[in-house]
């Protein structure tokens, strides 16, 4: 016959294994941002914005086009306004270059996310943004199929 200590031990041992397993799963999910974010595992609007610029830089139009809303409105630094088709055409004809985003802020706006940041771009042939950079405001909207870009405004930062 088993003593009461042995009975408790047999009951608590599987419970301890189960609790340890659950804790490990939870910690694995809290590992932070993915090292190589992609559209399917992106964790927020800032990553979507970075992925969008990277896709534009790499001229990866199959990744860009489905993420721009059919009712998209965009304004570039010289004040020119574009619809979805015009925006895509503008960036398709723009020289590809390196970019960086700074002072990124993400604010929820109901079901949407507003992303503001300073954009620095260096294109081929030394075409670049002003030294002070460009202020970008983008609005991302969450749909059942994922996040889409619905508006972007790019303005030069004046001293």
C-alpha atoms as a PDB file:
ATOM      1  CA  UNK A   1       0.000   0.000   0.000  1.00  0.00           C
ATOM      2  CA  UNK A   2       1.218   3.529  -0.874  1.00  0.00           C
ATOM      3  CA  UNK A   3       1.784   6.118   1.788  1.00  0.00           C
ATOM      4  CA  UNK A   4       0.065   9.489   1.526  1.00  0.00           C
ATOM      5  CA  UNK A   5       3.382  11.130   0.482  1.00  0.00           C
ATOM      6  CA  UNK A   6       3.837   8.716  -2.405  1.00  0.00           C
ATOM      7  CA  UNK A   7       0.240   9.302  -3.532  1.00  0.00           C
ATOM      8  CA  UNK A   8       0.713  13.073  -3.512  1.00  0.00           C
ATOM      9  CA  UNK A   9       4.012  12.712  -5.396  1.00  0.00           C
ATOM     10  CA  UNK A  10       2.374  10.610  -8.117  1.00  0.00           C
ATOM     11  CA  UNK A  11      -0.351  13.225  -8.500  1.00  0.00           C
ATOM     12  CA  UNK A  12       1.896  16.305  -8.495  1.00  0.00           C
ATOM     13  CA  UNK A  13       4.658  15.009 -10.789  1.00  0.00           C
ATOM     14  CA  UNK A  14       2.516  15.021 -13.983  1.00  0.00           C
ATOM     15  CA  UNK A  15       1.032  18.345 -12.907  1.00  0.00           C
ATOM     16  CA  UNK A  16       4.524  19.847 -12.547  1.00  0.00           C
ATOM     17  CA  UNK A  17       5.489  18.619 -16.025  1.00  0.00           C
ATOM     18  CA  UNK A  18       2.324  20.123 -17.501  1.00  0.00           C
ATOM     19  CA  UNK A  19       2.829  23.501 -15.793  1.00  0.00           C
ATOM     20  CA  UNK A  20       6.481  23.579 -16.926  1.00  0.00           C
ATOM     21  CA  UNK A  21       5.417  22.851 -20.494  1.00  0.00           C
ATOM     22  CA  UNK A  22       2.833  25.666 -20.468  1.00  0.00           C
ATOM     23  CA  UNK A  23       5.334  28.151 -19.018  1.00  0.00           C
ATOM     24  CA  UNK A  24       7.880  27.263 -21.722  1.00  0.00           C
ATOM     25  CA  UNK A  25       5.257  27.825 -24.419  1.00  0.00           C
ATOM     26  CA  UNK A  26       4.351  31.211 -22.981  1.00  0.00           C
ATOM     27  CA  UNK A  27       7.983  32.297 -22.766  1.00  0.00           C
ATOM     28  CA  UNK A  28       8.619  31.212 -26.351  1.00  0.00           C
ATOM     29  CA  UNK A  29       5.772  33.485 -27.473  1.00  0.00           C
ATOM     30  CA  UNK A  30       7.281  36.456 -25.615  1.00  0.00           C
ATOM     31  CA  UNK A  31      10.618  36.382 -27.403  1.00  0.00           C
ATOM     32  CA  UNK A  32      10.068  39.853 -28.885  1.00  0.00           C
ATOM     33  CA  UNK A  33      10.015  40.998 -32.475  1.00  0.00           C
ATOM     34  CA  UNK A  34      10.931  38.478 -35.136  1.00  0.00           C
ATOM     35  CA  UNK A  35      14.541  38.781 -36.361  1.00  0.00           C
ATOM     36  CA  UNK A  36      13.431  38.583 -39.976  1.00  0.00           C
ATOM     37  CA  UNK A  37       9.940  40.079 -40.106  1.00  0.00           C
ATOM     38  CA  UNK A  38       7.702  39.247 -43.010  1.00  0.00           C
ATOM     39  CA  UNK A  39       4.192  40.266 -43.960  1.00  0.00           C
ATOM     40  CA  UNK A  40       2.728  37.113 -42.412  1.00  0.00           C
ATOM     41  CA  UNK A  41       4.473  37.422 -39.026  1.00  0.00           C
ATOM     42  CA  UNK A  42       4.644  41.206 -38.723  1.00  0.00           C
ATOM     43  CA  UNK A  43       3.654  42.302 -35.239  1.00  0.00           C
ATOM     44  CA  UNK A  44       2.570  45.871 -35.850  1.00  0.00           C
ATOM     45  CA  UNK A  45       2.125  48.934 -38.005  1.00  0.00           C
ATOM     46  CA  UNK A  46       5.772  50.021 -37.673  1.00  0.00           C
ATOM     47  CA  UNK A  47       6.953  46.707 -39.116  1.00  0.00           C
ATOM     48  CA  UNK A  48       4.394  46.982 -41.910  1.00  0.00           C
ATOM     49  CA  UNK A  49       5.735  50.428 -42.752  1.00  0.00           C
ATOM     50  CA  UNK A  50       9.321  49.146 -42.808  1.00  0.00           C
ATOM     51  CA  UNK A  51       8.297  46.156 -44.927  1.00  0.00           C
ATOM     52  CA  UNK A  52       6.542  48.494 -47.367  1.00  0.00           C
ATOM     53  CA  UNK A  53       9.653  50.655 -47.825  1.00  0.00           C
ATOM     54  CA  UNK A  54      11.851  47.575 -48.158  1.00  0.00           C
ATOM     55  CA  UNK A  55       9.533  46.161 -50.837  1.00  0.00           C
ATOM     56  CA  UNK A  56       9.569  49.518 -52.681  1.00  0.00           C
ATOM     57  CA  UNK A  57      13.369  49.631 -52.415  1.00  0.00           C
ATOM     58  CA  UNK A  58      13.634  46.107 -53.824  1.00  0.00           C
ATOM     59  CA  UNK A  59      10.955  46.785 -56.459  1.00  0.00           C
ATOM     60  CA  UNK A  60       8.946  43.862 -55.046  1.00  0.00           C
ATOM     61  CA  UNK A  61       5.605  44.979 -56.508  1.00  0.00           C
ATOM     62  CA  UNK A  62       3.739  41.695 -55.842  1.00  0.00           C
ATOM     63  CA  UNK A  63       4.272  42.415 -52.127  1.00  0.00           C
ATOM     64  CA  UNK A  64       3.389  46.124 -52.335  1.00  0.00           C
ATOM     65  CA  UNK A  65       0.269  46.148 -54.487  1.00  0.00           C
ATOM     66  CA  UNK A  66      -2.054  43.979 -52.348  1.00  0.00           C
ATOM     67  CA  UNK A  67      -1.222  46.073 -49.275  1.00  0.00           C
ATOM     68  CA  UNK A  68      -2.391  49.376 -50.705  1.00  0.00           C
ATOM     69  CA  UNK A  69      -6.088  50.146 -50.353  1.00  0.00           C
ATOM     70  CA  UNK A  70      -8.241  50.591 -53.448  1.00  0.00           C
ATOM     71  CA  UNK A  71      -9.232  53.986 -52.003  1.00  0.00           C
ATOM     72  CA  UNK A  72      -5.644  54.979 -51.113  1.00  0.00           C
ATOM     73  CA  UNK A  73      -4.640  58.662 -51.114  1.00  0.00           C
ATOM     74  CA  UNK A  74      -0.995  59.733 -51.007  1.00  0.00           C
ATOM     75  CA  UNK A  75       0.808  63.080 -51.075  1.00  0.00           C
ATOM     76  CA  UNK A  76       4.543  63.398 -51.790  1.00  0.00           C
ATOM     77  CA  UNK A  77       6.984  66.079 -50.625  1.00  0.00           C
ATOM     78  CA  UNK A  78       6.294  68.489 -53.522  1.00  0.00           C
ATOM     79  CA  UNK A  79       2.557  68.470 -52.753  1.00  0.00           C
ATOM     80  CA  UNK A  80       1.533  66.202 -55.615  1.00  0.00           C
ATOM     81  CA  UNK A  81      -1.431  63.981 -54.728  1.00  0.00           C
ATOM     82  CA  UNK A  82      -1.918  60.428 -55.986  1.00  0.00           C
ATOM     83  CA  UNK A  83      -4.550  57.725 -55.961  1.00  0.00           C
ATOM     84  CA  UNK A  84      -3.546  54.069 -55.646  1.00  0.00           C
ATOM     85  CA  UNK A  85      -2.551  53.619 -59.305  1.00  0.00           C
ATOM     86  CA  UNK A  86      -0.621  56.903 -59.399  1.00  0.00           C
ATOM     87  CA  UNK A  87       1.200  56.090 -56.155  1.00  0.00           C
ATOM     88  CA  UNK A  88       2.329  52.723 -57.469  1.00  0.00           C
ATOM     89  CA  UNK A  89       3.438  54.247 -60.771  1.00  0.00           C
ATOM     90  CA  UNK A  90       5.351  57.006 -58.968  1.00  0.00           C
ATOM     91  CA  UNK A  91       7.338  54.543 -56.854  1.00  0.00           C
ATOM     92  CA  UNK A  92       7.866  52.157 -59.761  1.00  0.00           C
ATOM     93  CA  UNK A  93       9.620  54.957 -61.645  1.00  0.00           C
ATOM     94  CA  UNK A  94      11.529  56.288 -58.612  1.00  0.00           C
ATOM     95  CA  UNK A  95      15.166  55.264 -58.205  1.00  0.00           C
ATOM     96  CA  UNK A  96      15.711  52.523 -55.633  1.00  0.00           C
ATOM     97  CA  UNK A  97      17.938  53.427 -52.719  1.00  0.00           C
ATOM     98  CA  UNK A  98      18.567  52.836 -49.051  1.00  0.00           C
ATOM     99  CA  UNK A  99      16.195  54.238 -46.460  1.00  0.00           C
ATOM    100  CA  UNK A 100      15.964  54.682 -42.722  1.00  0.00           C
ATOM    101  CA  UNK A 101      13.086  55.486 -40.402  1.00  0.00           C
ATOM    102  CA  UNK A 102      13.575  57.477 -37.228  1.00  0.00           C
ATOM    103  CA  UNK A 103      11.471  58.836 -34.377  1.00  0.00           C
ATOM    104  CA  UNK A 104       8.741  56.309 -35.165  1.00  0.00           C
ATOM    105  CA  UNK A 105       5.479  56.691 -33.270  1.00  0.00           C
ATOM    106  CA  UNK A 106       2.429  54.463 -33.626  1.00  0.00           C
ATOM    107  CA  UNK A 107      -0.947  55.629 -32.359  1.00  0.00           C
ATOM    108  CA  UNK A 108      -4.135  53.575 -32.485  1.00  0.00           C
ATOM    109  CA  UNK A 109      -7.044  55.320 -34.201  1.00  0.00           C
ATOM    110  CA  UNK A 110      -9.968  52.979 -33.532  1.00  0.00           C
ATOM    111  CA  UNK A 111      -9.418  49.916 -35.755  1.00  0.00           C
ATOM    112  CA  UNK A 112      -6.662  51.774 -37.641  1.00  0.00           C
ATOM    113  CA  UNK A 113      -3.066  52.617 -36.784  1.00  0.00           C
ATOM    114  CA  UNK A 114      -1.429  55.968 -37.476  1.00  0.00           C
ATOM    115  CA  UNK A 115       2.347  55.805 -37.974  1.00  0.00           C
ATOM    116  CA  UNK A 116       4.478  58.959 -37.943  1.00  0.00           C
ATOM    117  CA  UNK A 117       8.223  59.058 -38.500  1.00  0.00           C
ATOM    118  CA  UNK A 118      11.136  60.805 -40.154  1.00  0.00           C
ATOM    119  CA  UNK A 119      12.257  59.213 -43.409  1.00  0.00           C
ATOM    120  CA  UNK A 120      15.766  59.482 -44.799  1.00  0.00           C
ATOM    121  CA  UNK A 121      16.350  58.108 -48.296  1.00  0.00           C
ATOM    122  CA  UNK A 122      19.536  57.870 -50.329  1.00  0.00           C
ATOM    123  CA  UNK A 123      18.982  56.973 -53.943  1.00  0.00           C
ATOM    124  CA  UNK A 124      21.496  56.003 -56.601  1.00  0.00           C
ATOM    125  CA  UNK A 125      23.510  58.848 -58.083  1.00  0.00           C
ATOM    126  CA  UNK A 126      23.463  60.801 -54.787  1.00  0.00           C
ATOM    127  CA  UNK A 127      19.770  61.714 -55.052  1.00  0.00           C
ATOM    128  CA  UNK A 128      18.707  62.066 -51.461  1.00  0.00           C
ATOM    129  CA  UNK A 129      16.132  63.529 -49.112  1.00  0.00           C
ATOM    130  CA  UNK A 130      16.900  66.879 -47.509  1.00  0.00           C
ATOM    131  CA  UNK A 131      19.373  66.691 -44.624  1.00  0.00           C
ATOM    132  CA  UNK A 132      16.512  67.350 -42.224  1.00  0.00           C
ATOM    133  CA  UNK A 133      14.532  64.416 -43.676  1.00  0.00           C
ATOM    134  CA  UNK A 134      10.912  63.940 -44.597  1.00  0.00           C
ATOM    135  CA  UNK A 135       8.000  63.722 -42.155  1.00  0.00           C
ATOM    136  CA  UNK A 136       5.738  60.793 -43.031  1.00  0.00           C
ATOM    137  CA  UNK A 137       2.259  60.122 -41.694  1.00  0.00           C
ATOM    138  CA  UNK A 138       0.674  56.824 -42.748  1.00  0.00           C
ATOM    139  CA  UNK A 139      -2.632  55.245 -41.835  1.00  0.00           C
ATOM    140  CA  UNK A 140      -2.920  51.445 -41.782  1.00  0.00           C
ATOM    141  CA  UNK A 141      -6.341  49.827 -41.675  1.00  0.00           C
ATOM    142  CA  UNK A 142      -6.952  46.313 -40.382  1.00  0.00           C
ATOM    143  CA  UNK A 143      -9.138  44.094 -42.527  1.00  0.00           C
ATOM    144  CA  UNK A 144      -9.913  40.383 -42.322  1.00  0.00           C
ATOM    145  CA  UNK A 145      -7.170  39.671 -44.870  1.00  0.00           C
ATOM    146  CA  UNK A 146      -4.590  41.728 -42.957  1.00  0.00           C
ATOM    147  CA  UNK A 147      -3.374  45.313 -42.752  1.00  0.00           C
ATOM    148  CA  UNK A 148      -3.581  47.668 -45.734  1.00  0.00           C
ATOM    149  CA  UNK A 149      -2.185  51.157 -46.253  1.00  0.00           C
ATOM    150  CA  UNK A 150      -5.020  53.649 -46.767  1.00  0.00           C
ATOM    151  CA  UNK A 151      -3.209  57.030 -46.694  1.00  0.00           C
ATOM    152  CA  UNK A 152       0.312  58.460 -46.679  1.00  0.00           C
ATOM    153  CA  UNK A 153       1.542  62.038 -46.519  1.00  0.00           C
ATOM    154  CA  UNK A 154       5.221  62.901 -47.061  1.00  0.00           C
ATOM    155  CA  UNK A 155       6.356  66.465 -46.304  1.00  0.00           C
ATOM    156  CA  UNK A 156       9.840  67.978 -46.122  1.00  0.00           C
ATOM    157  CA  UNK A 157      11.020  69.040 -42.691  1.00  0.00           C
ATOM    158  CA  UNK A 158      11.996  72.702 -42.792  1.00  0.00           C
ATOM    159  CA  UNK A 159      14.434  74.226 -40.338  1.00  0.00           C
END
